[in-house]
Amino acid sequence: MKRREFMTRIAGLVIAWPLASYAQQPQLAPPKRIGLLRVGRCPPDESWWLQRLAEFGWSKGTVTVDCVSSVGRMDDLPAVARELLSRRPDVLAAVMTKFVTALKQETTIIPIVMLATWEPERNGLITSLARPEGNVTGVAWYDLGLGCAETRKRGP
């Protein structure tokens, strides 16, 4: 075998070796982590939203729920929020305005999902419904009594 032919084969092997080593099976992505801040005890028994997540492909193997309860610790919500953030969730979720506010004060990077939070625009959680900006999004409730004010003015 001539030297040039030998060097060509060696060069071909050197170039092809890294490509062959990447031909392994792809590794599964680690499960996404949802951080849930609750008023009640953990684990959550709200299987309806876990079933809804499963419909979108977020089943037990692809998602884990880290739940932190505020039972007995309502006075120190920032510490409760920090405890939840220490678990490194991919997304945060909370119901009460106090909880969303505590989470928002602790992070500006991790997305926070409000689960039916009361008047988030007026409470300073978002800038507007059309463009919430920041890292807070979700479902908002507004005062349903506004329509009743007209009724109260008329009287019986």
Foldseek 3Di string as FASTA:
>chain_A
DDPVVVVVVVVVCVVCVVVVVVPDDDDDDAAAEEEEEEQDDDDDPPVVVQVVVVVVVRHPRRYDYHYFYCVVPPVPLLVSLVVSVVVPGQAYEYEEPVNLVSVVVVDQPRAYEYEAYEPCCVVVQAVDQVDRPTRYYYDYDYDPCPVVVVVVVVPD
